[in-house]
Amino acid sequence: MGGSPQTGRLLPIARPLILPFSPDLALRFVLVVWAAALLFTALHQREVLRDPAQLGNQLSFLTITGMLVYVMGNYEVTLRSWRDYLLFGPVLVASMLVFRWFGQQGSFHNNLSSTSRWDDTATIAYCATLSAVFLVLTAHATYTYWRQPQLFKVYMTAMALPPAIVGLLYLYSALVRDVLVVHVHHWWLSFYVSFFTRYRWWVSRLAAPIFLGVAVEGIMEAGQLALFIIDRKGP
């Protein structure tokens, strides 16, 4: 009898953490992401189509990261039917194409380790992008607090850990700034945000394919599969 109240308190906390997984729906999601990636490759990287090793490597990595987002990001619920993909698919492809265009601009060929060399365009674009990311995450944290408060602590912990790791990397590089430069690939930031756009809320429904599209573009465009680059300066 003494354990019943405790069990009653634990069940509401545990229930939202049960992650649904249907192999057929997960496979459909992977195929849609593959289709977007292959369309992008056919338009902008036809040479990759003639290199099975590179293409296979990128699609394999895309499958692994995509499945993580699918399960942990609750896409089992938000992408239940083909009608859900009528919005998701086109926005995913559009996000990839738009972000590729941004990537072709010389102002954006830099990173957070080289802020002193940013021009005005880069400063405005990076500040706007990071602000948008912050707003999306804040909106979802607030939505979670009011709609699923039992999930809020887990949600906030998950949000905080990856930026903390990145912050430690930059702190380390600052301490040895004459030796190391740290660069976080852009696909990783969008990949990180994709885990939290998990609701059938219009903000989530729109943000999910935008951020996932940036991640897919980054993986397919440059084949940059590592999360970080840590370069040594000088010879």
Protein backbone atom coordinates (compact mmCIF):
# COMPACT_ATOMS: atom_id res chain seq x y z
CA MET A 1 0.00 0.00 0.00
CA GLY A 2 2.87 2.37 0.77
CA GLY A 3 4.20 2.05 -2.79
CA SER A 4 0.97 2.94 -4.58
CA PRO A 5 1.17 6.74 -4.20
CA GLN A 6 4.73 6.71 -5.46
CA THR A 7 3.75 4.56 -8.45
CA GLY A 8 0.88 6.90 -9.15
CA ARG A 9 3.28 9.81 -9.27
CA LEU A 10 5.76 8.05 -11.52
CA LEU A 11 3.38 6.83 -14.19
CA PRO A 12 2.37 10.27 -15.53
CA ILE A 13 6.07 11.14 -15.81
CA ALA A 14 7.05 7.92 -17.55
CA ARG A 15 4.19 7.73 -20.01
CA PRO A 16 5.24 10.63 -22.32
CA LEU A 17 8.76 9.17 -22.47
CA ILE A 18 7.55 5.95 -24.10
CA LEU A 19 8.68 6.40 -27.69
CA PRO A 20 6.40 4.84 -30.32
CA PHE A 21 8.02 3.14 -33.27
CA SER A 22 6.34 1.58 -36.29
CA PRO A 23 8.84 0.16 -38.81
CA ASP A 24 6.61 0.89 -41.81
CA LEU A 25 6.12 4.55 -40.83
CA ALA A 26 9.81 4.94 -40.02
CA LEU A 27 10.74 3.46 -43.41
CA ARG A 28 8.37 5.87 -45.15
CA PHE A 29 10.05 8.78 -43.36
CA VAL A 30 13.52 7.59 -44.40
CA LEU A 31 12.40 7.18 -48.02
CA VAL A 32 10.98 10.71 -48.10
CA VAL A 33 14.24 12.11 -46.70
CA TRP A 34 16.23 10.01 -49.20
CA ALA A 35 14.08 11.32 -52.07
CA ALA A 36 14.75 14.91 -51.01
CA ALA A 37 18.48 14.21 -50.64
CA LEU A 38 18.71 12.49 -54.05
CA LEU A 39 16.77 15.29 -55.74
CA PHE A 40 19.14 17.82 -54.23
CA THR A 41 22.14 15.74 -55.32
CA ALA A 42 20.80 15.39 -58.87
CA LEU A 43 20.39 19.16 -59.11
CA HIS A 44 23.67 20.28 -57.56
CA GLN A 45 26.06 17.36 -57.12
CA ARG A 46 25.71 15.03 -60.06
CA GLU A 47 29.28 13.87 -59.64
CA VAL A 48 28.29 12.26 -56.33
CA LEU A 49 25.77 10.10 -58.19
CA ARG A 50 28.73 8.61 -60.07
CA ASP A 51 30.56 7.82 -56.84
CA PRO A 52 28.69 4.95 -55.11
CA ALA A 53 31.05 4.93 -52.13
CA GLN A 54 30.51 8.60 -51.26
CA LEU A 55 26.79 8.47 -51.99
CA GLY A 56 26.36 5.34 -49.91
CA ASN A 57 28.32 6.85 -47.06
CA GLN A 58 26.21 9.99 -47.03
CA LEU A 59 22.89 8.14 -47.31
CA SER A 60 23.92 5.73 -44.55
CA PHE A 61 24.80 8.60 -42.24
CA LEU A 62 21.58 10.36 -43.23
CA THR A 63 19.60 7.24 -42.34
CA ILE A 64 21.20 6.96 -38.90
CA THR A 65 20.68 10.63 -38.04
CA GLY A 66 17.21 10.60 -39.58
CA MET A 67 16.10 7.64 -37.50
CA LEU A 68 17.34 9.33 -34.33
CA VAL A 69 15.26 12.40 -35.15
CA TYR A 70 12.28 10.24 -36.12
CA VAL A 71 12.20 8.38 -32.82
CA MET A 72 13.42 11.00 -30.35
CA GLY A 73 11.67 13.86 -32.14
CA ASN A 74 8.27 12.14 -31.97
CA TYR A 75 7.81 12.12 -35.77
CA GLU A 76 5.85 8.91 -35.33
CA VAL A 77 3.04 11.16 -34.12
CA THR A 78 3.55 14.28 -36.23
CA LEU A 79 3.90 12.40 -39.54
CA ARG A 80 1.15 9.84 -39.26
CA SER A 81 -0.30 9.99 -42.77
CA TRP A 82 0.79 10.83 -46.29
CA ARG A 83 -1.17 14.08 -46.03
CA ASP A 84 1.27 15.23 -43.36
CA TYR A 85 4.03 14.98 -45.95
CA LEU A 86 2.24 17.41 -48.30
CA LEU A 87 3.65 20.18 -46.11
CA PHE A 88 6.72 18.41 -44.78
CA GLY A 89 8.20 17.26 -48.11
CA PRO A 90 8.10 20.54 -50.10
CA VAL A 91 9.30 22.63 -47.14
CA LEU A 92 12.14 20.12 -46.59
CA VAL A 93 13.34 20.48 -50.20
CA ALA A 94 12.86 24.27 -50.22
CA SER A 95 14.90 24.57 -47.03
CA MET A 96 17.75 22.59 -48.59
CA LEU A 97 17.80 24.74 -51.73
CA VAL A 98 17.55 28.07 -49.89
CA PHE A 99 20.28 27.16 -47.45
CA ARG A 100 22.54 26.01 -50.28
CA TRP A 101 22.15 29.45 -51.83
CA PHE A 102 23.19 31.04 -48.56
CA GLY A 103 26.17 28.72 -48.42
CA GLN A 104 27.35 29.97 -51.81
CA GLN A 105 27.66 33.54 -50.54
CA GLY A 106 31.19 34.55 -49.58
CA SER A 107 30.05 36.36 -46.43
CA PHE A 108 29.13 33.07 -44.81
CA HIS A 109 32.42 31.25 -45.37
CA ASN A 110 33.50 31.70 -41.76
CA ASN A 111 32.59 30.54 -38.29
CA LEU A 112 32.31 31.57 -34.65
CA SER A 113 36.05 31.30 -34.19
CA SER A 114 36.61 34.13 -36.70
CA THR A 115 34.11 36.79 -35.60
CA SER A 116 36.67 39.58 -36.04
CA ARG A 117 36.62 38.94 -39.79
CA TRP A 118 32.85 38.99 -40.25
CA ASP A 119 31.40 41.64 -42.55
CA ASP A 120 28.07 43.37 -41.87
CA THR A 121 26.12 40.80 -43.91
CA ALA A 122 27.58 37.91 -41.96
CA THR A 123 26.98 39.64 -38.63
CA ILE A 124 23.31 40.32 -39.42
CA ALA A 125 22.72 36.84 -40.87
CA TYR A 126 24.36 34.97 -38.01
CA CYS A 127 22.64 37.05 -35.34
CA ALA A 128 19.27 36.58 -37.08
CA THR A 129 19.82 32.84 -37.46
CA LEU A 130 20.87 32.25 -33.87
CA SER A 131 18.00 34.44 -32.68
CA ALA A 132 15.54 32.38 -34.73
CA VAL A 133 16.95 29.17 -33.27
CA PHE A 134 16.64 30.62 -29.76
CA LEU A 135 13.03 31.69 -30.38
CA VAL A 136 12.04 28.28 -31.76
CA LEU A 137 13.58 26.46 -28.82
CA THR A 138 12.06 28.91 -26.31
CA ALA A 139 8.63 28.57 -27.92
CA HIS A 140 8.81 24.79 -27.70
CA ALA A 141 10.07 24.85 -24.12
CA THR A 142 7.16 27.13 -23.18
CA TYR A 143 4.69 24.93 -25.06
CA THR A 144 6.05 21.88 -23.21
CA TYR A 145 5.80 23.64 -19.85
CA TRP A 146 2.11 24.39 -20.35
CA ARG A 147 1.00 21.33 -22.34
CA GLN A 148 3.27 18.55 -21.01
CA PRO A 149 4.76 19.81 -17.74
CA GLN A 150 5.76 16.27 -16.73
CA LEU A 151 8.19 16.29 -19.67
CA PHE A 152 9.61 19.75 -19.05
CA LYS A 153 12.68 18.83 -16.97
CA VAL A 154 13.77 16.16 -19.42
CA TYR A 155 13.12 18.55 -22.31
CA MET A 156 15.24 21.32 -20.81
CA THR A 157 18.06 18.96 -19.89
CA ALA A 158 18.14 17.63 -23.45
CA MET A 159 18.21 21.19 -24.77
CA ALA A 160 21.04 22.25 -22.47
CA LEU A 161 23.52 19.40 -22.85
CA PRO A 162 24.60 19.80 -26.51
CA PRO A 163 25.19 23.59 -26.27
CA ALA A 164 27.14 22.95 -23.08
CA ILE A 165 29.42 20.55 -24.96
CA VAL A 166 29.91 23.10 -27.74
CA GLY A 167 30.55 25.83 -25.18
CA LEU A 168 33.25 23.76 -23.52
CA LEU A 169 34.91 23.19 -26.90
CA TYR A 170 34.97 26.92 -27.62
CA LEU A 171 36.20 27.67 -24.12
CA TYR A 172 39.04 25.22 -24.61
CA SER A 173 39.89 26.71 -28.00
CA ALA A 174 39.89 30.20 -26.45
CA LEU A 175 42.34 29.11 -23.78
CA VAL A 176 44.70 27.74 -26.45
CA ARG A 177 43.68 30.22 -29.16
CA ASP A 178 47.11 30.23 -30.76
CA VAL A 179 46.84 26.51 -31.40
CA LEU A 180 43.25 25.42 -32.06
CA VAL A 181 40.25 26.59 -34.07
CA VAL A 182 36.87 24.96 -33.42
CA HIS A 183 34.16 24.96 -36.08
CA VAL A 184 30.69 23.46 -35.54
CA HIS A 185 29.12 22.28 -38.78
CA HIS A 186 25.88 24.06 -39.59
CA TRP A 187 24.03 20.78 -40.12
CA TRP A 188 24.59 19.88 -36.48
CA LEU A 189 22.75 22.94 -35.13
CA SER A 190 19.69 22.18 -37.24
CA PHE A 191 19.91 18.49 -36.40
CA TYR A 192 19.90 19.45 -32.71
CA VAL A 193 16.81 21.68 -33.08
CA SER A 194 14.95 18.95 -35.00
CA PHE A 195 14.68 16.85 -31.84
CA PHE A 196 12.43 19.44 -30.19
CA THR A 197 9.95 20.26 -32.98
CA ARG A 198 7.92 17.31 -31.80
CA TYR A 199 4.31 18.53 -31.61
CA ARG A 200 1.34 18.70 -33.95
CA TRP A 201 1.46 22.44 -33.30
CA TRP A 202 1.72 24.68 -36.36
CA VAL A 203 5.09 26.06 -35.20
CA SER A 204 6.48 22.54 -34.94
CA ARG A 205 4.91 21.45 -38.21
CA LEU A 206 6.65 24.31 -40.04
CA ALA A 207 9.94 24.38 -38.14
CA ALA A 208 10.60 20.62 -38.34
CA PRO A 209 11.15 20.38 -42.13
CA ILE A 210 13.03 23.71 -42.21
CA PHE A 211 15.63 22.63 -39.66
CA LEU A 212 15.81 19.05 -40.87
CA GLY A 213 16.27 20.36 -44.43
CA VAL A 214 19.30 22.39 -43.36
CA ALA A 215 20.75 19.30 -41.69
CA VAL A 216 20.17 17.13 -44.78
CA GLU A 217 21.68 19.82 -47.03
CA GLY A 218 24.78 20.01 -44.88
CA ILE A 219 25.28 16.27 -44.91
CA MET A 220 24.75 15.91 -48.67
CA GLU A 221 26.44 19.12 -49.81
CA ALA A 222 29.86 18.78 -48.29
CA GLY A 223 29.82 15.29 -46.87
CA GLN A 224 30.76 16.82 -43.53
CA LEU A 225 29.74 13.95 -41.29
CA ALA A 226 31.73 15.03 -38.24
CA LEU A 227 30.02 17.21 -35.67
CA PHE A 228 33.03 19.45 -35.15
CA ILE A 229 36.28 20.46 -36.78
CA ILE A 230 39.22 21.08 -34.48
CA ASP A 231 42.06 22.45 -36.60
CA ARG A 232 45.59 23.23 -35.51
CA LYS A 233 46.80 26.65 -36.54
CA GLY A 234 50.00 27.17 -38.41
CA PRO A 235 52.37 24.54 -39.79
